[in-house]
């Protein structure tokens, strides 16, 4: 039941969404501990790779004696406790969750304190091993991974979308087809594209931006839209398009030809990749130094 408290808090905080919205190491490490995924080993792009995602799990029982003397201030502990409390609407809900989980305030505070000590211990060793990559290392990585910095043909476009995926009832598909044809005629009669998108588009992610899908390559676009984009000139609007998701009207904004990302353009990404590799190696080395078995003194007769 005690684990249920931390899991419930994690869900209330939107842990799954949060993991993809931030690359802050300390924050992501805390999220990993809250959902019992262990310490954060590395960041790969926007995704965190945690200890328990790998083959070697970090045993908290092994770590506790090692970090027991790490200094932690009352202010730090209270700050972490507040971060947990803020995930609930009020103090009543907080007390109810504690009571239902069987987790006393003191036990939760001890858990938070241990997490802070473990974080401080680990970060100290990572910081000691951290060494910013130099220019030759960056260039060597760029040369070895040149294919990763080749940018394919890309388009930028906006779309007006009506949902009618395969499997919808025939009458729904027919109604959506008739509506997209009507909207296409209105565009030909000079109705503003953004206004029609705002009023009718069913793509919630793009409608507030006038239907803008930003730049995309073939690998991340529906085949029907990719084919249509190739036939348009910038500024042109397509006839209604049928995809496996529904009906679209596409307006092409611009196109970018295939190009190679220069070393200077790729340099920040390369530096981040190398720093993450070093951080992961430092964490692995620190964990490997923790005794595999804790020896407890036995009382003498």
Protein backbone atom coordinates (compact mmCIF):
# COMPACT_ATOMS: atom_id res chain seq x y z
CA UNK A 1 0.00 0.00 0.00
CA UNK A 2 2.87 2.37 0.69
CA UNK A 3 4.08 2.10 -2.88
CA UNK A 4 0.55 2.92 -3.97
CA UNK A 5 0.94 6.38 -2.47
CA UNK A 6 4.00 7.25 -4.53
CA UNK A 7 2.46 5.71 -7.63
CA UNK A 8 -0.74 7.69 -7.11
CA UNK A 9 1.24 10.88 -6.63
CA UNK A 10 3.17 10.15 -9.77
CA UNK A 11 0.02 9.68 -11.80
CA UNK A 12 -1.51 12.85 -10.39
CA UNK A 13 1.60 14.76 -11.41
CA UNK A 14 1.32 13.61 -14.99
CA UNK A 15 4.59 11.68 -14.83
CA UNK A 16 4.25 10.13 -18.27
CA UNK A 17 3.68 13.48 -19.95
CA UNK A 18 6.30 15.21 -17.84
CA UNK A 19 9.03 12.79 -18.85
CA UNK A 20 8.73 13.96 -22.44
CA UNK A 21 8.42 17.65 -21.63
CA UNK A 22 11.68 18.25 -19.82
CA UNK A 23 15.32 17.28 -20.15
CA UNK A 24 16.28 18.58 -16.70
CA UNK A 25 18.32 15.77 -15.17
CA UNK A 26 17.46 16.36 -11.52
CA UNK A 27 13.74 16.62 -12.25
CA UNK A 28 13.73 13.50 -14.41
CA UNK A 29 15.71 11.60 -11.79
CA UNK A 30 13.11 12.48 -9.16
CA UNK A 31 10.31 11.29 -11.44
CA UNK A 32 12.11 8.01 -11.92
CA UNK A 33 12.37 7.47 -8.20
CA UNK A 34 8.74 8.37 -7.54
CA UNK A 35 7.47 5.69 -9.93
CA UNK A 36 10.09 3.21 -8.68
CA UNK A 37 12.00 3.08 -11.96
CA UNK A 38 15.28 3.76 -10.18
CA UNK A 39 17.95 6.33 -10.87
CA UNK A 40 18.11 8.09 -14.21
CA UNK A 41 21.07 6.69 -16.15
CA UNK A 42 20.97 8.84 -19.28
CA UNK A 43 18.86 11.00 -21.54
CA UNK A 44 18.31 9.87 -25.11
CA UNK A 45 16.74 12.76 -26.96
CA UNK A 46 13.63 13.59 -24.93
CA UNK A 47 13.40 10.18 -23.26
CA UNK A 48 14.88 9.19 -19.92
CA UNK A 49 16.63 5.85 -19.51
CA UNK A 50 16.33 4.74 -15.90
CA UNK A 51 18.27 2.20 -13.89
CA UNK A 52 15.52 -0.38 -13.90
CA UNK A 53 15.09 -0.05 -17.63
CA UNK A 54 18.52 -1.68 -17.95
CA UNK A 55 19.91 -5.02 -16.95
CA UNK A 56 21.40 -3.81 -13.62
CA UNK A 57 18.94 -2.64 -10.95
CA UNK A 58 20.08 -0.27 -8.25
CA UNK A 59 19.31 -1.94 -4.92
CA UNK A 60 18.15 0.70 -2.44
CA UNK A 61 19.24 -1.49 0.46
CA UNK A 62 22.80 -1.46 -0.91
CA UNK A 63 22.75 2.28 -1.43
CA UNK A 64 21.25 3.36 1.91
CA UNK A 65 24.33 2.68 4.10
CA UNK A 66 26.62 4.29 1.53
CA UNK A 67 24.70 7.56 1.40
CA UNK A 68 23.60 7.70 5.04
CA UNK A 69 26.08 10.48 5.88
CA UNK A 70 25.24 12.68 2.89
CA UNK A 71 24.17 16.09 4.24
CA UNK A 72 20.58 17.08 3.57
CA UNK A 73 19.03 20.30 4.86
CA UNK A 74 15.57 20.67 6.34
CA UNK A 75 14.80 23.21 3.62
CA UNK A 76 15.57 20.66 0.90
CA UNK A 77 13.39 18.03 2.56
CA UNK A 78 10.51 20.44 3.01
CA UNK A 79 10.80 21.57 -0.60
CA UNK A 80 10.48 17.98 -1.84
CA UNK A 81 7.52 17.39 0.47
CA UNK A 82 5.83 20.49 -0.89
CA UNK A 83 6.35 19.29 -4.45
CA UNK A 84 4.41 16.16 -3.52
CA UNK A 85 1.66 18.06 -1.68
CA UNK A 86 1.12 20.43 -4.59
CA UNK A 87 0.08 17.47 -6.73
CA UNK A 88 -3.14 17.21 -4.71
CA UNK A 89 -5.91 19.82 -4.67
CA UNK A 90 -5.98 20.41 -0.90
CA UNK A 91 -4.70 19.25 2.49
CA UNK A 92 -7.75 17.05 3.01
CA UNK A 93 -6.98 15.07 -0.14
CA UNK A 94 -3.34 14.78 0.95
CA UNK A 95 -4.32 13.40 4.39
CA UNK A 96 -6.79 10.98 2.82
CA UNK A 97 -4.18 9.62 0.45
CA UNK A 98 -1.68 9.15 3.27
CA UNK A 99 -4.28 7.37 5.40
CA UNK A 100 -5.43 5.03 2.63
CA UNK A 101 -1.85 4.09 1.73
CA UNK A 102 -0.70 3.31 5.25
CA UNK A 103 2.19 5.74 4.78
CA UNK A 104 2.67 7.98 7.82
CA UNK A 105 3.99 11.54 7.32
CA UNK A 106 7.18 10.52 9.11
CA UNK A 107 7.74 7.50 6.84
CA UNK A 108 7.18 9.59 3.75
CA UNK A 109 9.59 12.22 5.04
CA UNK A 110 12.19 9.49 5.60
CA UNK A 111 11.65 8.26 2.04
CA UNK A 112 12.15 11.78 0.69
CA UNK A 113 15.28 12.24 2.82
CA UNK A 114 16.80 9.00 1.53
CA UNK A 115 16.03 10.02 -2.05
CA UNK A 116 17.73 13.37 -1.53
CA UNK A 117 20.81 11.71 -0.02
CA UNK A 118 21.03 9.24 -2.88
CA UNK A 119 20.67 12.03 -5.41
CA UNK A 120 23.39 14.11 -3.76
CA UNK A 121 25.77 11.14 -3.58
CA UNK A 122 25.19 10.21 -7.20
CA UNK A 123 25.36 13.75 -8.56
CA UNK A 124 28.64 14.37 -6.72
CA UNK A 125 30.23 11.42 -8.47
CA UNK A 126 28.78 12.34 -11.83
CA UNK A 127 30.01 15.93 -11.42
CA UNK A 128 33.50 14.74 -10.49
CA UNK A 129 33.68 12.63 -13.63
CA UNK A 130 32.14 15.23 -15.92
CA UNK A 131 34.41 16.69 -18.54
CA UNK A 132 32.97 18.81 -21.36
CA UNK A 133 33.76 17.35 -24.79
CA UNK A 134 36.45 19.22 -26.67
CA UNK A 135 36.43 20.27 -30.31
CA UNK A 136 38.29 17.20 -31.67
CA UNK A 137 35.86 14.87 -29.87
CA UNK A 138 32.88 16.73 -31.29
CA UNK A 139 34.28 16.59 -34.81
CA UNK A 140 35.15 12.90 -34.46
CA UNK A 141 31.56 12.13 -33.42
CA UNK A 142 30.22 14.19 -36.33
CA UNK A 143 32.40 12.33 -38.83
CA UNK A 144 31.48 8.92 -37.41
CA UNK A 145 27.73 9.64 -37.49
CA UNK A 146 27.51 11.74 -40.63
CA UNK A 147 24.44 9.88 -41.90
CA UNK A 148 22.49 11.03 -38.83
CA UNK A 149 23.00 14.65 -39.86
CA UNK A 150 21.63 14.30 -43.38
CA UNK A 151 18.32 16.16 -43.65
CA UNK A 152 15.88 14.80 -46.24
CA UNK A 153 13.34 16.69 -48.34
CA UNK A 154 10.98 18.51 -45.97
CA UNK A 155 7.74 20.36 -46.37
CA UNK A 156 5.89 22.79 -44.15
CA UNK A 157 2.13 22.81 -44.52
CA UNK A 158 -1.16 23.46 -42.77
CA UNK A 159 -4.18 21.22 -42.99
CA UNK A 160 -7.88 21.22 -42.30
CA UNK A 161 -8.84 17.79 -41.00
CA UNK A 162 -12.14 15.92 -40.61
CA UNK A 163 -11.92 12.58 -38.83
CA UNK A 164 -13.26 9.57 -40.74
CA UNK A 165 -10.92 6.65 -40.06
CA UNK A 166 -11.31 3.29 -41.68
CA UNK A 167 -14.02 1.40 -39.85
CA UNK A 168 -16.32 4.39 -39.26
CA UNK A 169 -19.96 3.91 -40.18
CA UNK A 170 -20.72 4.58 -43.83
CA UNK A 171 -23.15 7.40 -43.03
CA UNK A 172 -20.50 9.20 -40.93
CA UNK A 173 -17.92 8.92 -43.68
CA UNK A 174 -20.42 10.18 -46.24
CA UNK A 175 -21.25 13.18 -44.04
CA UNK A 176 -17.58 14.05 -43.56
CA UNK A 177 -16.92 13.68 -47.30
CA UNK A 178 -19.74 16.07 -48.11
CA UNK A 179 -18.49 18.60 -45.55
CA UNK A 180 -14.90 18.55 -46.82
CA UNK A 181 -16.16 19.16 -50.36
CA UNK A 182 -18.18 22.13 -49.12
CA UNK A 183 -15.18 23.56 -47.30
CA UNK A 184 -13.02 23.11 -50.39
CA UNK A 185 -15.51 25.18 -52.40
CA UNK A 186 -15.51 27.88 -49.72
CA UNK A 187 -11.72 28.10 -49.96
CA UNK A 188 -11.97 28.52 -53.71
CA UNK A 189 -14.39 31.38 -53.04
CA UNK A 190 -11.69 33.09 -50.94
CA UNK A 191 -12.83 32.11 -47.45
CA UNK A 192 -9.79 32.45 -45.13
CA UNK A 193 -8.05 29.13 -44.55
CA UNK A 194 -7.23 29.80 -40.84
CA UNK A 195 -10.85 30.74 -40.13
CA UNK A 196 -12.18 27.51 -41.61
CA UNK A 197 -9.56 25.52 -39.73
CA UNK A 198 -10.56 27.16 -36.46
CA UNK A 199 -14.25 26.47 -37.10
CA UNK A 200 -14.17 22.96 -38.55
CA UNK A 201 -10.82 21.15 -38.18
CA UNK A 202 -10.83 18.16 -35.85
CA UNK A 203 -7.07 18.07 -35.30
CA UNK A 204 -6.87 19.62 -31.84
CA UNK A 205 -3.07 19.77 -31.92
CA UNK A 206 -2.88 22.05 -34.97
CA UNK A 207 -6.16 23.95 -35.23
CA UNK A 208 -5.14 26.65 -32.74
CA UNK A 209 -2.13 27.33 -35.00
CA UNK A 210 -4.18 27.67 -38.16
CA UNK A 211 -3.59 24.00 -38.99
CA UNK A 212 0.21 24.42 -39.12
CA UNK A 213 2.00 21.04 -38.94
CA UNK A 214 5.48 22.60 -39.03
CA UNK A 215 8.21 20.93 -41.10
CA UNK A 216 7.90 17.22 -41.80
CA UNK A 217 9.72 14.60 -43.81
CA UNK A 218 8.32 11.50 -45.45
CA UNK A 219 8.98 9.25 -42.46
CA UNK A 220 6.64 11.18 -40.18
CA UNK A 221 3.77 12.02 -42.49
CA UNK A 222 0.74 10.13 -43.77
CA UNK A 223 1.53 8.80 -47.26
CA UNK A 224 -1.51 10.52 -48.80
CA UNK A 225 -0.46 13.92 -47.44
CA UNK A 226 3.17 13.42 -48.44
CA UNK A 227 2.17 12.62 -52.01
CA UNK A 228 -0.11 15.66 -52.14
CA UNK A 229 2.58 17.96 -50.75
CA UNK A 230 4.98 16.94 -53.51
CA UNK A 231 2.49 18.08 -56.15
CA UNK A 232 1.91 21.53 -54.62
CA UNK A 233 3.82 24.76 -54.95
CA UNK A 234 4.28 26.97 -51.88
CA UNK A 235 1.06 28.89 -51.23
CA UNK A 236 -1.12 26.43 -53.14
CA UNK A 237 -4.07 24.53 -51.63
CA UNK A 238 -4.97 20.95 -52.43
CA UNK A 239 -8.27 19.39 -53.31
CA UNK A 240 -9.74 17.17 -50.57
CA UNK A 241 -7.43 14.28 -49.69
CA UNK A 242 -8.51 10.92 -48.25
CA UNK A 243 -6.12 9.29 -45.78
CA UNK A 244 -6.58 6.32 -43.49
CA UNK A 245 -7.52 8.79 -40.72
CA UNK A 246 -10.04 10.92 -42.57
CA UNK A 247 -10.27 13.86 -44.96
CA UNK A 248 -7.75 16.68 -45.31
CA UNK A 249 -7.26 19.90 -47.21
CA UNK A 250 -3.57 20.79 -47.40
CA UNK A 251 -2.02 24.23 -47.89
CA UNK A 252 1.72 24.16 -48.59
CA UNK A 253 3.79 26.83 -46.87
CA UNK A 254 7.32 26.00 -48.04
CA UNK A 255 9.69 23.22 -49.01
CA UNK A 256 13.28 22.58 -47.99
CA UNK A 257 15.49 20.50 -50.28
CA UNK A 258 17.70 17.69 -48.95
CA UNK A 259 20.68 19.11 -47.10
CA UNK A 260 23.55 18.14 -44.85
CA UNK A 261 23.53 19.65 -41.37
CA UNK A 262 26.83 21.42 -40.93
CA UNK A 263 29.13 20.67 -38.02
CA UNK A 264 28.30 24.04 -36.43
CA UNK A 265 24.57 23.31 -36.69
CA UNK A 266 24.99 19.85 -35.20
CA UNK A 267 27.50 20.85 -32.52
CA UNK A 268 24.98 21.46 -29.66
CA UNK A 269 23.30 18.09 -30.24
CA UNK A 270 26.64 16.29 -30.38
CA UNK A 271 27.81 17.91 -27.15
CA UNK A 272 24.61 16.84 -25.40
CA UNK A 273 24.94 13.28 -26.69
CA UNK A 274 28.53 12.97 -25.49
CA UNK A 275 27.73 14.51 -22.10
CA UNK A 276 24.86 12.04 -21.65
CA UNK A 277 27.16 9.14 -22.53
CA UNK A 278 29.67 10.28 -19.93
CA UNK A 279 26.99 10.80 -17.32
CA UNK A 280 25.64 7.30 -17.93
CA UNK A 281 29.13 5.81 -17.65
CA UNK A 282 29.79 7.72 -14.41
CA UNK A 283 26.51 6.52 -12.90
CA UNK A 284 27.25 2.93 -13.90
CA UNK A 285 30.72 3.15 -12.38
CA UNK A 286 29.37 4.62 -9.13
CA UNK A 287 26.71 1.93 -8.84
CA UNK A 288 29.27 -0.80 -9.53
CA UNK A 289 31.30 0.37 -6.53
CA UNK A 290 28.42 -0.16 -4.11
CA UNK A 291 28.91 -3.41 -2.13
CA UNK A 292 26.86 -6.22 -3.62
CA UNK A 293 26.00 -7.45 -0.15
CA UNK A 294 25.58 -5.56 3.10
CA UNK A 295 27.33 -7.21 6.04
CA UNK A 296 25.59 -6.73 9.36
CA UNK A 297 27.51 -7.10 12.62
CA UNK A 298 26.31 -9.99 14.73
CA UNK A 299 26.07 -9.62 18.50
CA UNK A 300 28.64 -11.47 20.53
CA UNK A 301 27.63 -14.01 23.12
